[in-house]
Amino acid sequence: MRKREILLLSAINSKFFLLKLLIFFHFLFSYAQAHIYRCENPETGEVRYTNQEKLDAYYCQLYIREKPKNLNSKSSGPKFPYSPNYTKLPVEYETWFEKVAQAFSLDPALLKAIAKVESSFNPRAVSPKGAMGIMQLMPQTARLVGVEDPYHPLENLKGGAKYLRMLIDEFQDLSLALAAYNAGPEKVKLYRGIPPYPETQSYVKNVLYYYSIFKNKTLNN
């Protein structure tokens, strides 16, 4: 009788052990399947790794992607805050626009206007012609201004501001600089003014329109 009790207790303990083991591996597997993000503070350079997609004051990029649950599941790439509506500009972007504009002696309202027209503040935007990021830098322009990751919103913003500063210094006229940003400086020189392209002419008008809006501080009112 005693031998049977011992065997029964042993079997029960074994079942509990297996159950605990299964629970342990379940949580371990679940954690391993989670997205892991690499988050960097643009100001301090501090890097954190987390399963949270957003951290205050940090730029987060997907580091380890969760494995799809089935072959038909669609996984998404790195996500950044953006809004197609200029009245919902992400808070962290406000600081970036201010600091970058100051670094290149530009008006932050002007940079916001260009970013609005170019991408609606979408750092993942890609045009049919290959322009990338929040300021829509072409690959050759990105190389010119030293941008390594055009989809990093702060890096792209710095590159766009640097390029705009170069154009303003060259043409000494805001409208011509904007036309050059859109159509290229060679076209502005060729036509000795804003090129007769409907896209470029509309671009200049739209940027100046949003510039006046941001300048008058109607954003987020």
Protein backbone atom coordinates (compact mmCIF):
# COMPACT_ATOMS: atom_id res chain seq x y z
CA MET A 1 0.00 0.00 0.00
CA ARG A 2 2.76 2.38 0.96
CA LYS A 3 4.59 1.58 -2.24
CA ARG A 4 1.51 2.48 -4.28
CA GLU A 5 1.18 5.81 -2.44
CA ILE A 6 4.80 6.62 -3.16
CA LEU A 7 4.35 5.80 -6.83
CA LEU A 8 1.15 7.87 -6.97
CA LEU A 9 2.81 10.89 -5.34
CA SER A 10 5.76 10.50 -7.66
CA ALA A 11 3.46 10.49 -10.67
CA ILE A 12 1.59 13.58 -9.41
CA ASN A 13 4.85 15.43 -8.79
CA SER A 14 6.03 14.49 -12.27
CA LYS A 15 2.83 15.86 -13.79
CA PHE A 16 3.20 19.13 -11.87
CA PHE A 17 6.82 19.36 -12.96
CA LEU A 18 5.88 18.84 -16.60
CA LEU A 19 3.09 21.41 -16.28
CA LYS A 20 5.48 23.97 -14.80
CA LEU A 21 7.98 23.18 -17.52
CA LEU A 22 5.35 23.69 -20.22
CA ILE A 23 4.29 27.01 -18.68
CA PHE A 24 7.92 28.14 -18.49
CA PHE A 25 8.58 27.34 -22.14
CA HIS A 26 5.30 28.97 -23.13
CA PHE A 27 6.33 32.30 -21.60
CA LEU A 28 9.86 31.94 -22.88
CA PHE A 29 8.62 31.29 -26.40
CA SER A 30 6.11 34.15 -26.18
CA TYR A 31 8.83 36.58 -25.12
CA ALA A 32 11.15 35.37 -27.86
CA GLN A 33 8.40 35.98 -30.42
CA ALA A 34 7.86 39.62 -29.38
CA HIS A 35 9.10 42.59 -31.38
CA ILE A 36 12.28 44.07 -29.95
CA TYR A 37 12.99 47.74 -30.62
CA ARG A 38 16.27 49.63 -30.50
CA CYS A 39 15.52 53.07 -29.06
CA GLU A 40 18.04 55.91 -29.19
CA ASN A 41 17.83 59.30 -27.52
CA PRO A 42 18.78 61.83 -30.24
CA GLU A 43 20.06 64.28 -27.65
CA THR A 44 22.19 62.04 -25.42
CA GLY A 45 22.91 59.11 -27.72
CA GLU A 46 21.69 56.67 -25.05
CA VAL A 47 20.44 53.37 -26.51
CA ARG A 48 17.80 51.10 -25.00
CA TYR A 49 16.37 47.79 -26.18
CA THR A 50 12.72 47.18 -25.38
CA ASN A 51 9.55 45.49 -26.58
CA GLN A 52 7.78 48.86 -26.52
CA GLU A 53 7.33 50.56 -29.86
CA LYS A 54 7.56 54.08 -28.41
CA LEU A 55 9.57 55.66 -25.60
CA ASP A 56 9.35 59.33 -24.70
CA ALA A 57 12.28 61.33 -26.11
CA TYR A 58 13.61 58.26 -27.95
CA TYR A 59 13.68 57.34 -31.63
CA CYS A 60 12.72 53.66 -31.84
CA GLN A 61 13.45 51.30 -34.71
CA LEU A 62 12.53 47.65 -35.09
CA TYR A 63 15.54 45.53 -34.09
CA ILE A 64 14.16 41.97 -33.94
CA ARG A 65 10.94 41.23 -35.76
CA GLU A 66 8.29 38.93 -34.34
CA LYS A 67 7.98 35.77 -36.40
CA PRO A 68 4.70 35.62 -38.33
CA LYS A 69 2.11 33.27 -36.92
CA ASN A 70 1.43 31.81 -40.34
CA LEU A 71 2.74 32.07 -43.86
CA ASN A 72 -0.04 34.46 -44.85
CA SER A 73 0.51 36.94 -42.03
CA LYS A 74 1.92 40.33 -42.95
CA SER A 75 4.64 41.86 -40.83
CA SER A 76 5.22 45.58 -40.71
CA GLY A 77 8.50 47.43 -40.69
CA PRO A 78 9.72 50.08 -38.27
CA LYS A 79 7.06 52.55 -37.26
CA PHE A 80 7.52 56.22 -36.51
CA PRO A 81 4.97 58.74 -35.31
CA TYR A 82 3.53 60.86 -38.08
CA SER A 83 0.27 62.40 -39.08
CA PRO A 84 -1.26 63.13 -42.48
CA ASN A 85 -2.90 66.09 -40.78
CA TYR A 86 -0.62 69.05 -40.04
CA THR A 87 -2.66 69.88 -36.93
CA LYS A 88 -1.37 66.70 -35.25
CA LEU A 89 2.37 67.12 -35.55
CA PRO A 90 4.07 64.70 -33.11
CA VAL A 91 5.33 66.46 -30.00
CA GLU A 92 8.91 65.23 -30.37
CA TYR A 93 9.02 66.65 -33.88
CA GLU A 94 8.31 70.14 -32.57
CA THR A 95 11.58 70.10 -30.62
CA TRP A 96 13.49 68.70 -33.58
CA PHE A 97 12.19 71.37 -35.95
CA GLU A 98 13.14 74.12 -33.51
CA LYS A 99 16.68 72.85 -32.91
CA VAL A 100 17.45 71.95 -36.52
CA ALA A 101 16.13 75.29 -37.76
CA GLN A 102 18.31 77.12 -35.26
CA ALA A 103 21.36 75.11 -36.31
CA PHE A 104 20.96 76.19 -39.95
CA SER A 105 19.63 79.71 -39.32
CA LEU A 106 16.21 78.86 -40.72
CA ASP A 107 12.67 79.49 -39.60
CA PRO A 108 11.18 76.31 -38.06
CA ALA A 109 7.85 77.27 -39.64
CA LEU A 110 9.50 77.04 -43.05
CA LEU A 111 10.88 73.57 -42.36
CA LYS A 112 7.47 72.43 -41.14
CA ALA A 113 5.85 73.79 -44.29
CA ILE A 114 8.27 71.87 -46.52
CA ALA A 115 7.83 68.67 -44.51
CA LYS A 116 4.06 69.08 -44.70
CA VAL A 117 4.04 69.49 -48.47
CA GLU A 118 6.72 66.89 -49.09
CA SER A 119 5.50 64.02 -46.90
CA SER A 120 2.79 65.18 -44.48
CA PHE A 121 5.40 64.48 -41.79
CA ASN A 122 5.62 60.82 -42.75
CA PRO A 123 9.23 59.62 -42.20
CA ARG A 124 8.50 56.43 -44.17
CA ALA A 125 7.25 58.24 -47.27
CA VAL A 126 8.75 57.23 -50.62
CA SER A 127 7.85 59.07 -53.81
CA PRO A 128 7.50 57.39 -57.23
CA LYS A 129 10.78 59.08 -58.18
CA GLY A 130 12.61 57.66 -55.16
CA ALA A 131 12.60 60.63 -52.77
CA MET A 132 12.68 59.42 -49.18
CA GLY A 133 11.64 60.42 -45.71
CA ILE A 134 10.08 63.39 -44.02
CA MET A 135 11.89 65.95 -46.23
CA GLN A 136 11.80 63.71 -49.33
CA LEU A 137 15.50 63.56 -50.11
CA MET A 138 16.59 61.98 -53.36
CA PRO A 139 19.43 59.44 -52.96
CA GLN A 140 22.00 61.78 -54.52
CA THR A 141 20.85 64.66 -52.31
CA ALA A 142 21.04 62.47 -49.22
CA ARG A 143 24.63 61.60 -50.10
CA LEU A 144 25.43 65.26 -50.76
CA VAL A 145 24.32 66.34 -47.28
CA GLY A 146 25.71 63.27 -45.51
CA VAL A 147 22.47 61.48 -44.62
CA GLU A 148 23.11 57.77 -44.02
CA ASP A 149 19.60 56.75 -42.95
CA PRO A 150 16.98 58.79 -44.86
CA TYR A 151 14.18 57.10 -42.91
CA HIS A 152 15.46 58.39 -39.58
CA PRO A 153 13.23 61.47 -39.17
CA LEU A 154 15.77 63.61 -37.32
CA GLU A 155 18.64 62.74 -39.66
CA ASN A 156 16.45 63.35 -42.70
CA LEU A 157 15.28 66.67 -41.28
CA LYS A 158 18.87 67.78 -40.72
CA GLY A 159 19.76 66.80 -44.27
CA GLY A 160 16.79 68.65 -45.74
CA ALA A 161 17.56 71.75 -43.69
CA LYS A 162 21.21 71.68 -44.74
CA TYR A 163 20.24 71.38 -48.40
CA LEU A 164 17.68 74.19 -48.11
CA ARG A 165 20.29 76.42 -46.46
CA MET A 166 22.63 75.75 -49.39
CA LEU A 167 19.92 76.69 -51.90
CA ILE A 168 18.93 79.88 -50.07
CA ASP A 169 22.58 80.95 -49.92
CA GLU A 170 22.98 80.22 -53.62
CA PHE A 171 19.85 81.91 -54.97
CA GLN A 172 19.33 84.56 -52.28
CA ASP A 173 15.58 84.22 -52.79
CA LEU A 174 13.17 81.95 -50.92
CA SER A 175 10.85 81.20 -53.84
CA LEU A 176 13.77 80.29 -56.09
CA ALA A 177 15.29 78.15 -53.35
CA LEU A 178 12.01 76.27 -52.95
CA ALA A 179 11.76 75.79 -56.71
CA ALA A 180 15.30 74.41 -56.69
CA TYR A 181 14.43 72.09 -53.80
CA ASN A 182 11.64 70.65 -55.94
CA ALA A 183 12.97 70.74 -59.50
CA GLY A 184 16.71 70.99 -58.91
CA PRO A 185 19.01 74.03 -58.97
CA GLU A 186 20.01 73.39 -62.58
CA LYS A 187 16.43 73.94 -63.76
CA VAL A 188 16.15 77.21 -61.85
CA LYS A 189 19.38 78.42 -63.44
CA LEU A 190 18.23 77.25 -66.86
CA TYR A 191 14.98 79.21 -66.72
CA ARG A 192 16.44 82.03 -64.63
CA GLY A 193 13.50 81.75 -62.30
CA ILE A 194 10.84 79.29 -61.22
CA PRO A 195 10.65 76.61 -63.95
CA PRO A 196 7.39 76.51 -65.94
CA TYR A 197 6.45 73.15 -64.49
CA PRO A 198 2.95 72.96 -62.97
CA GLU A 199 4.26 70.69 -60.21
CA THR A 200 7.06 73.07 -59.23
CA GLN A 201 4.87 76.16 -59.41
CA SER A 202 2.21 74.50 -57.25
CA TYR A 203 4.91 73.27 -54.88
CA VAL A 204 6.25 76.77 -54.25
CA LYS A 205 2.75 78.15 -53.69
CA ASN A 206 1.81 75.32 -51.33
CA VAL A 207 4.96 75.64 -49.24
CA LEU A 208 4.50 79.40 -48.91
CA TYR A 209 0.86 78.83 -47.97
CA TYR A 210 1.71 76.42 -45.16
CA TYR A 211 4.62 78.61 -44.17
CA SER A 212 2.19 81.43 -43.47
CA ILE A 213 0.01 79.06 -41.45
CA PHE A 214 2.85 77.80 -39.29
CA LYS A 215 4.31 81.29 -39.06
CA ASN A 216 1.04 82.64 -37.70
CA LYS A 217 1.05 79.90 -35.07
CA THR A 218 -2.26 78.39 -36.10
CA LEU A 219 -0.76 74.91 -35.70
CA ASN A 220 -2.36 72.93 -32.86
CA ASN A 221 -4.69 75.78 -31.93
